[in-house]
PDB file of all heavy atoms in Angstrom:
ATOM      1  N   CYS A   1     106.879 108.771 118.091  1.00  0.00           N
ATOM      2  CA  CYS A   1     105.737 108.144 117.419  1.00  0.00           C
ATOM      3  C   CYS A   1     104.423 108.755 117.892  1.00  0.00           C
ATOM      4  O   CYS A   1     103.510 109.017 117.088  1.00  0.00           O
ATOM      5  CB  CYS A   1     105.742 106.633 117.666  1.00  0.00           C
ATOM      6  SG  CYS A   1     107.026 105.743 116.755  1.00  0.00           S
ATOM      7  N   GLU A   2     104.308 108.996 119.186  1.00  0.00           N
ATOM      8  CA  GLU A   2     103.098 109.642 119.708  1.00  0.00           C
ATOM      9  C   GLU A   2     102.939 111.055 119.159  1.00  0.00           C
ATOM     10  O   GLU A   2     101.823 111.525 118.897  1.00  0.00           O
ATOM     11  CB  GLU A   2     103.150 109.682 121.233  1.00  0.00           C
ATOM     12  CG  GLU A   2     103.035 108.310 121.898  1.00  0.00           C
ATOM     13  CD  GLU A   2     103.297 108.373 123.396  1.00  0.00           C
ATOM     14  OE1 GLU A   2     103.611 109.477 123.906  1.00  0.00           O
ATOM     15  OE2 GLU A   2     103.189 107.322 124.065  1.00  0.00           O
ATOM     16  N   GLN A   3     104.053 111.748 118.964  1.00  0.00           N
ATOM     17  CA  GLN A   3     104.019 113.132 118.495  1.00  0.00           C
ATOM     18  C   GLN A   3     103.743 113.251 117.004  1.00  0.00           C
ATOM     19  O   GLN A   3     103.199 114.262 116.553  1.00  0.00           O
ATOM     20  CB  GLN A   3     105.356 113.811 118.825  1.00  0.00           C
ATOM     21  CG  GLN A   3     105.608 113.993 120.312  1.00  0.00           C
ATOM     22  CD  GLN A   3     107.085 114.205 120.640  1.00  0.00           C
ATOM     23  OE1 GLN A   3     107.969 113.952 119.817  1.00  0.00           O
ATOM     24  NE2 GLN A   3     107.361 114.656 121.851  1.00  0.00           N
ATOM     25  N   THR A   4     104.115 112.239 116.230  1.00  0.00           N
ATOM     26  CA  THR A   4     104.065 112.368 114.770  1.00  0.00           C
ATOM     27  C   THR A   4     103.093 111.405 114.085  1.00  0.00           C
ATOM     28  O   THR A   4     102.796 111.584 112.904  1.00  0.00           O
ATOM     29  CB  THR A   4     105.460 112.114 114.167  1.00  0.00           C
ATOM     30  OG1 THR A   4     105.846 110.761 114.436  1.00  0.00           O
ATOM     31  CG2 THR A   4     106.489 113.076 114.762  1.00  0.00           C
ATOM     32  N   GLY A   5     102.651 110.377 114.797  1.00  0.00           N
ATOM     33  CA  GLY A   5     101.837 109.351 114.159  1.00  0.00           C
ATOM     34  C   GLY A   5     102.644 108.267 113.491  1.00  0.00           C
ATOM     35  O   GLY A   5     102.096 107.376 112.840  1.00  0.00           O
ATOM     36  N   ALA A   6     103.964 108.309 113.634  1.00  0.00           N
ATOM     37  CA  ALA A   6     104.809 107.251 113.089  1.00  0.00           C
ATOM     38  C   ALA A   6     104.623 105.970 113.902  1.00  0.00           C
ATOM     39  O   ALA A   6     104.025 105.970 114.986  1.00  0.00           O
ATOM     40  CB  ALA A   6     106.274 107.680 113.090  1.00  0.00           C
ATOM     41  N   LYS A   7     105.175 104.877 113.397  1.00  0.00           N
ATOM     42  CA  LYS A   7     105.013 103.559 114.024  1.00  0.00           C
ATOM     43  C   LYS A   7     106.371 103.012 114.449  1.00  0.00           C
ATOM     44  O   LYS A   7     107.350 103.110 113.715  1.00  0.00           O
ATOM     45  CB  LYS A   7     104.361 102.605 113.023  1.00  0.00           C
ATOM     46  CG  LYS A   7     104.171 101.174 113.532  1.00  0.00           C
ATOM     47  CD  LYS A   7     103.576 100.290 112.446  1.00  0.00           C
ATOM     48  CE  LYS A   7     103.443  98.847 112.910  1.00  0.00           C
ATOM     49  NZ  LYS A   7     102.923  97.969 111.827  1.00  0.00           N
ATOM     50  N   LEU A   8     106.401 102.421 115.649  1.00  0.00           N
ATOM     51  CA  LEU A   8     107.620 101.783 116.136  1.00  0.00           C
ATOM     52  C   LEU A   8     107.588 100.304 115.755  1.00  0.00           C
ATOM     53  O   LEU A   8     106.635  99.589 116.071  1.00  0.00           O
ATOM     54  CB  LEU A   8     107.724 101.919 117.655  1.00  0.00           C
ATOM     55  CG  LEU A   8     109.058 101.471 118.274  1.00  0.00           C
ATOM     56  CD1 LEU A   8     110.190 102.401 117.845  1.00  0.00           C
ATOM     57  CD2 LEU A   8     108.955 101.431 119.798  1.00  0.00           C
ATOM     58  N   VAL A   9     108.637  99.839 115.082  1.00  0.00           N
ATOM     59  CA  VAL A   9     108.744  98.454 114.632  1.00  0.00           C
ATOM     60  C   VAL A   9     109.939  97.823 115.351  1.00  0.00           C
ATOM     61  O   VAL A   9     110.996  98.447 115.467  1.00  0.00           O
ATOM     62  CB  VAL A   9     108.940  98.374 113.107  1.00  0.00           C
ATOM     63  CG1 VAL A   9     109.094  96.923 112.648  1.00  0.00           C
ATOM     64  CG2 VAL A   9     107.769  99.049 112.395  1.00  0.00           C
ATOM     65  N   VAL A  10     109.764  96.586 115.811  1.00  0.00           N
ATOM     66  CA  VAL A  10     110.798  95.929 116.610  1.00  0.00           C
ATOM     67  C   VAL A  10     111.280  94.662 115.910  1.00  0.00           C
ATOM     68  O   VAL A  10     110.484  93.753 115.630  1.00  0.00           O
ATOM     69  CB  VAL A  10     110.284  95.570 118.021  1.00  0.00           C
ATOM     70  CG1 VAL A  10     111.396  94.929 118.850  1.00  0.00           C
ATOM     71  CG2 VAL A  10     109.741  96.815 118.717  1.00  0.00           C
ATOM     72  N   ALA A  11     112.581  94.591 115.622  1.00  0.00           N
ATOM     73  CA  ALA A  11     113.185  93.363 115.101  1.00  0.00           C
ATOM     74  C   ALA A  11     113.431  92.423 116.286  1.00  0.00           C
ATOM     75  O   ALA A  11     114.046  92.819 117.272  1.00  0.00           O
ATOM     76  CB  ALA A  11     114.489  93.662 114.387  1.00  0.00           C
ATOM     77  N   PRO A  12     112.973  91.168 116.214  1.00  0.00           N
ATOM     78  CA  PRO A  12     112.981  90.308 117.401  1.00  0.00           C
ATOM     79  C   PRO A  12     114.360  89.789 117.776  1.00  0.00           C
ATOM     80  O   PRO A  12     115.260  89.669 116.948  1.00  0.00           O
ATOM     81  CB  PRO A  12     112.065  89.152 116.986  1.00  0.00           C
ATOM     82  CG  PRO A  12     112.184  89.085 115.499  1.00  0.00           C
ATOM     83  CD  PRO A  12     112.347  90.505 115.049  1.00  0.00           C
ATOM     84  N   MET A  13     114.471  89.470 119.046  1.00  0.00           N
ATOM     85  CA  MET A  13     115.667  88.852 119.608  1.00  0.00           C
ATOM     86  C   MET A  13     115.414  87.362 119.741  1.00  0.00           C
ATOM     87  O   MET A  13     114.292  86.931 120.028  1.00  0.00           O
ATOM     88  CB  MET A  13     115.938  89.475 120.989  1.00  0.00           C
ATOM     89  CG  MET A  13     117.094  88.890 121.754  1.00  0.00           C
ATOM     90  SD  MET A  13     117.312  89.765 123.331  1.00  0.00           S
ATOM     91  CE  MET A  13     115.731  89.421 124.122  1.00  0.00           C
ATOM     92  N   ASP A  14     116.451  86.539 119.556  1.00  0.00           N
ATOM     93  CA  ASP A  14     116.274  85.104 119.719  1.00  0.00           C
ATOM     94  C   ASP A  14     116.629  84.685 121.146  1.00  0.00           C
ATOM     95  O   ASP A  14     116.961  85.515 121.998  1.00  0.00           O
ATOM     96  CB  ASP A  14     117.092  84.319 118.672  1.00  0.00           C
ATOM     97  CG  ASP A  14     118.596  84.503 118.813  1.00  0.00           C
ATOM     98  OD1 ASP A  14     119.082  84.827 119.913  1.00  0.00           O
ATOM     99  OD2 ASP A  14     119.313  84.318 117.811  1.00  0.00           O
ATOM    100  N   ASP A  15     116.567  83.395 121.430  1.00  0.00           N
ATOM    101  CA  ASP A  15     116.740  82.917 122.800  1.00  0.00           C
ATOM    102  C   ASP A  15     118.195  82.867 123.245  1.00  0.00           C
ATOM    103  O   ASP A  15     118.477  82.536 124.399  1.00  0.00           O
ATOM    104  CB  ASP A  15     116.078  81.538 122.966  1.00  0.00           C
ATOM    105  CG  ASP A  15     114.565  81.617 122.923  1.00  0.00           C
ATOM    106  OD1 ASP A  15     114.035  82.708 123.218  1.00  0.00           O
ATOM    107  OD2 ASP A  15     113.912  80.609 122.594  1.00  0.00           O
ATOM    108  N   ARG A  16     119.116  83.204 122.354  1.00  0.00           N
ATOM    109  CA  ARG A  16     120.510  83.382 122.760  1.00  0.00           C
ATOM    110  C   ARG A  16     120.788  84.828 123.153  1.00  0.00           C
ATOM    111  O   ARG A  16     121.879  85.140 123.630  1.00  0.00           O
ATOM    112  CB  ARG A  16     121.463  82.968 121.648  1.00  0.00           C
ATOM    113  CG  ARG A  16     121.371  81.519 121.214  1.00  0.00           C
ATOM    114  CD  ARG A  16     122.428  81.209 120.159  1.00  0.00           C
ATOM    115  NE  ARG A  16     122.317  82.102 118.996  1.00  0.00           N
ATOM    116  CZ  ARG A  16     123.192  82.140 117.995  1.00  0.00           C
ATOM    117  NH1 ARG A  16     124.263  81.340 118.026  1.00  0.00           N
ATOM    118  NH2 ARG A  16     123.031  82.955 116.979  1.00  0.00           N
ATOM    119  N   GLY A  17     119.813  85.688 122.913  1.00  0.00           N
ATOM    120  CA  GLY A  17     120.028  87.104 123.154  1.00  0.00           C
ATOM    121  C   GLY A  17     120.664  87.811 121.983  1.00  0.00           C
ATOM    122  O   GLY A  17     121.251  88.882 122.130  1.00  0.00           O
ATOM    123  N   ASP A  18     120.526  87.253 120.800  1.00  0.00           N
ATOM    124  CA  ASP A  18     121.054  87.836 119.571  1.00  0.00           C
ATOM    125  C   ASP A  18     119.892  88.360 118.740  1.00  0.00           C
ATOM    126  O   ASP A  18     118.736  87.956 118.931  1.00  0.00           O
ATOM    127  CB  ASP A  18     121.844  86.792 118.792  1.00  0.00           C
ATOM    128  CG  ASP A  18     122.942  87.399 117.926  1.00  0.00           C
ATOM    129  OD1 ASP A  18     123.008  88.642 117.845  1.00  0.00           O
ATOM    130  OD2 ASP A  18     123.722  86.632 117.340  1.00  0.00           O
ATOM    131  N   VAL A  19     120.189  89.245 117.798  1.00  0.00           N
ATOM    132  CA  VAL A  19     119.185  89.761 116.862  1.00  0.00           C
ATOM    133  C   VAL A  19     119.615  89.355 115.464  1.00  0.00           C
ATOM    134  O   VAL A  19     120.553  89.946 114.902  1.00  0.00           O
ATOM    135  CB  VAL A  19     119.034  91.287 116.962  1.00  0.00           C
ATOM    136  CG1 VAL A  19     118.008  91.788 115.947  1.00  0.00           C
ATOM    137  CG2 VAL A  19     118.629  91.706 118.365  1.00  0.00           C
ATOM    138  N   PRO A  20     118.978  88.351 114.876  1.00  0.00           N
ATOM    139  CA  PRO A  20     119.371  87.915 113.529  1.00  0.00           C
ATOM    140  C   PRO A  20     119.230  89.047 112.516  1.00  0.00           C
ATOM    141  O   PRO A  20     118.231  89.773 112.512  1.00  0.00           O
ATOM    142  CB  PRO A  20     118.395  86.769 113.233  1.00  0.00           C
ATOM    143  CG  PRO A  20     117.961  86.272 114.587  1.00  0.00           C
ATOM    144  CD  PRO A  20     117.926  87.491 115.456  1.00  0.00           C
ATOM    145  N   LEU A  21     120.213  89.174 111.664  1.00  0.00           N
ATOM    146  CA  LEU A  21     120.202  90.221 110.649  1.00  0.00           C
ATOM    147  C   LEU A  21     119.001  90.070 109.714  1.00  0.00           C
ATOM    148  O   LEU A  21     118.437  91.066 109.243  1.00  0.00           O
ATOM    149  CB  LEU A  21     121.508  90.171 109.856  1.00  0.00           C
ATOM    150  CG  LEU A  21     121.917  91.414 109.085  1.00  0.00           C
ATOM    151  CD1 LEU A  21     122.052  92.612 110.014  1.00  0.00           C
ATOM    152  CD2 LEU A  21     123.221  91.159 108.346  1.00  0.00           C
ATOM    153  N   ALA A  22     118.591  88.831 109.498  1.00  0.00           N
ATOM    154  CA  ALA A  22     117.448  88.598 108.609  1.00  0.00           C
ATOM    155  C   ALA A  22     116.182  89.228 109.162  1.00  0.00           C
ATOM    156  O   ALA A  22     115.329  89.700 108.401  1.00  0.00           O
ATOM    157  CB  ALA A  22     117.246  87.094 108.418  1.00  0.00           C
ATOM    158  N   GLY A  23     116.047  89.248 110.483  1.00  0.00           N
ATOM    159  CA  GLY A  23     114.869  89.856 111.084  1.00  0.00           C
ATOM    160  C   GLY A  23     114.839  91.357 110.902  1.00  0.00           C
ATOM    161  O   GLY A  23     113.762  91.965 110.773  1.00  0.00           O
ATOM    162  N   ILE A  24     116.005  91.974 110.899  1.00  0.00           N
ATOM    163  CA  ILE A  24     116.087  93.407 110.639  1.00  0.00           C
ATOM    164  C   ILE A  24     115.775  93.692 109.178  1.00  0.00           C
ATOM    165  O   ILE A  24     114.973  94.572 108.848  1.00  0.00           O
ATOM    166  CB  ILE A  24     117.482  93.932 111.016  1.00  0.00           C
ATOM    167  CG1 ILE A  24     117.701  93.822 112.529  1.00  0.00           C
ATOM    168  CG2 ILE A  24     117.678  95.375 110.534  1.00  0.00           C
ATOM    169  CD1 ILE A  24     119.095  94.176 112.989  1.00  0.00           C
ATOM    170  N   GLU A  25     116.399  92.917 108.293  1.00  0.00           N
ATOM    171  CA  GLU A  25     116.192  93.133 106.862  1.00  0.00           C
ATOM    172  C   GLU A  25     114.729  92.953 106.479  1.00  0.00           C
ATOM    173  O   GLU A  25     114.193  93.714 105.651  1.00  0.00           O
ATOM    174  CB  GLU A  25     117.066  92.165 106.069  1.00  0.00           C
ATOM    175  CG  GLU A  25     117.057  92.393 104.577  1.00  0.00           C
ATOM    176  CD  GLU A  25     118.095  91.564 103.850  1.00  0.00           C
ATOM    177  OE1 GLU A  25     118.625  90.605 104.458  1.00  0.00           O
ATOM    178  OE2 GLU A  25     118.382  91.870 102.675  1.00  0.00           O
ATOM    179  N   ALA A  26     114.063  91.978 107.094  1.00  0.00           N
ATOM    180  CA  ALA A  26     112.662  91.705 106.761  1.00  0.00           C
ATOM    181  C   ALA A  26     111.737  92.847 107.158  1.00  0.00           C
ATOM    182  O   ALA A  26     110.628  92.979 106.604  1.00  0.00           O
ATOM    183  CB  ALA A  26     112.209  90.416 107.442  1.00  0.00           C
ATOM    184  N   ARG A  27     112.157  93.659 108.108  1.00  0.00           N
ATOM    185  CA  ARG A  27     111.298  94.743 108.601  1.00  0.00           C
ATOM    186  C   ARG A  27     111.666  96.104 108.045  1.00  0.00           C
ATOM    187  O   ARG A  27     111.025  97.103 108.385  1.00  0.00           O
ATOM    188  CB  ARG A  27     111.335  94.747 110.143  1.00  0.00           C
ATOM    189  CG  ARG A  27     110.547  93.576 110.719  1.00  0.00           C
ATOM    190  CD  ARG A  27     110.918  93.247 112.147  1.00  0.00           C
ATOM    191  NE  ARG A  27     110.102  92.137 112.622  1.00  0.00           N
ATOM    192  CZ  ARG A  27     110.340  90.849 112.348  1.00  0.00           C
ATOM    193  NH1 ARG A  27     111.393  90.513 111.590  1.00  0.00           N
ATOM    194  NH2 ARG A  27     109.539  89.913 112.804  1.00  0.00           N
ATOM    195  N   LEU A  28     112.676  96.153 107.216  1.00  0.00           N
ATOM    196  CA  LEU A  28     113.027  97.391 106.530  1.00  0.00           C
ATOM    197  C   LEU A  28     112.163  97.547 105.280  1.00  0.00           C
ATOM    198  O   LEU A  28     111.881  96.577 104.578  1.00  0.00           O
ATOM    199  CB  LEU A  28     114.497  97.373 106.122  1.00  0.00           C
ATOM    200  CG  LEU A  28     115.527  97.630 107.219  1.00  0.00           C
ATOM    201  CD1 LEU A  28     116.907  97.247 106.723  1.00  0.00           C
ATOM    202  CD2 LEU A  28     115.494  99.097 107.632  1.00  0.00           C
ATOM    203  N   GLY A  29     111.737  98.781 105.024  1.00  0.00           N
ATOM    204  CA  GLY A  29     110.936  99.028 103.830  1.00  0.00           C
ATOM    205  C   GLY A  29     110.928 100.498 103.490  1.00  0.00           C
ATOM    206  O   GLY A  29     111.624 101.311 104.101  1.00  0.00           O
ATOM    207  N   LYS A  30     110.102 100.852 102.532  1.00  0.00           N
ATOM    208  CA  LYS A  30     110.071 102.237 102.059  1.00  0.00           C
ATOM    209  C   LYS A  30     109.589 103.208 103.131  1.00  0.00           C
ATOM    210  O   LYS A  30     109.848 104.413 103.046  1.00  0.00           O
ATOM    211  CB  LYS A  30     109.189 102.346 100.816  1.00  0.00           C
ATOM    212  CG  LYS A  30     107.746 101.942 101.020  1.00  0.00           C
ATOM    213  CD  LYS A  30     106.954 102.045  99.728  1.00  0.00           C
ATOM    214  CE  LYS A  30     105.505 101.594  99.906  1.00  0.00           C
ATOM    215  NZ  LYS A  30     104.753 102.428 100.880  1.00  0.00           N
ATOM    216  N   ASN A  31     108.893 102.692 104.152  1.00  0.00           N
ATOM    217  CA  ASN A  31     108.398 103.564 105.208  1.00  0.00           C
ATOM    218  C   ASN A  31     109.386 103.730 106.365  1.00  0.00           C
ATOM    219  O   ASN A  31     109.158 104.549 107.252  1.00  0.00           O
ATOM    220  CB  ASN A  31     107.072 103.029 105.759  1.00  0.00           C
ATOM    221  CG  ASN A  31     105.960 103.070 104.737  1.00  0.00           C
ATOM    222  OD1 ASN A  31     105.923 103.966 103.886  1.00  0.00           O
ATOM    223  ND2 ASN A  31     105.051 102.110 104.790  1.00  0.00           N
ATOM    224  N   THR A  32     110.469 102.960 106.353  1.00  0.00           N
ATOM    225  CA  THR A  32     111.451 103.047 107.433  1.00  0.00           C
ATOM    226  C   THR A  32     112.286 104.317 107.260  1.00  0.00           C
ATOM    227  O   THR A  32     112.984 104.484 106.262  1.00  0.00           O
ATOM    228  CB  THR A  32     112.385 101.827 107.434  1.00  0.00           C
ATOM    229  OG1 THR A  32     111.615 100.631 107.396  1.00  0.00           O
ATOM    230  CG2 THR A  32     113.251 101.836 108.684  1.00  0.00           C
TER     231      THR A  32
END
């Protein structure tokens, strides 16, 4: 990201230590 100007996006983890699939899907887009 520093080399190219791209952006790092993070799908959040919940308090069980899991990553809900909905959080990943919500952050996917044409720029991913």
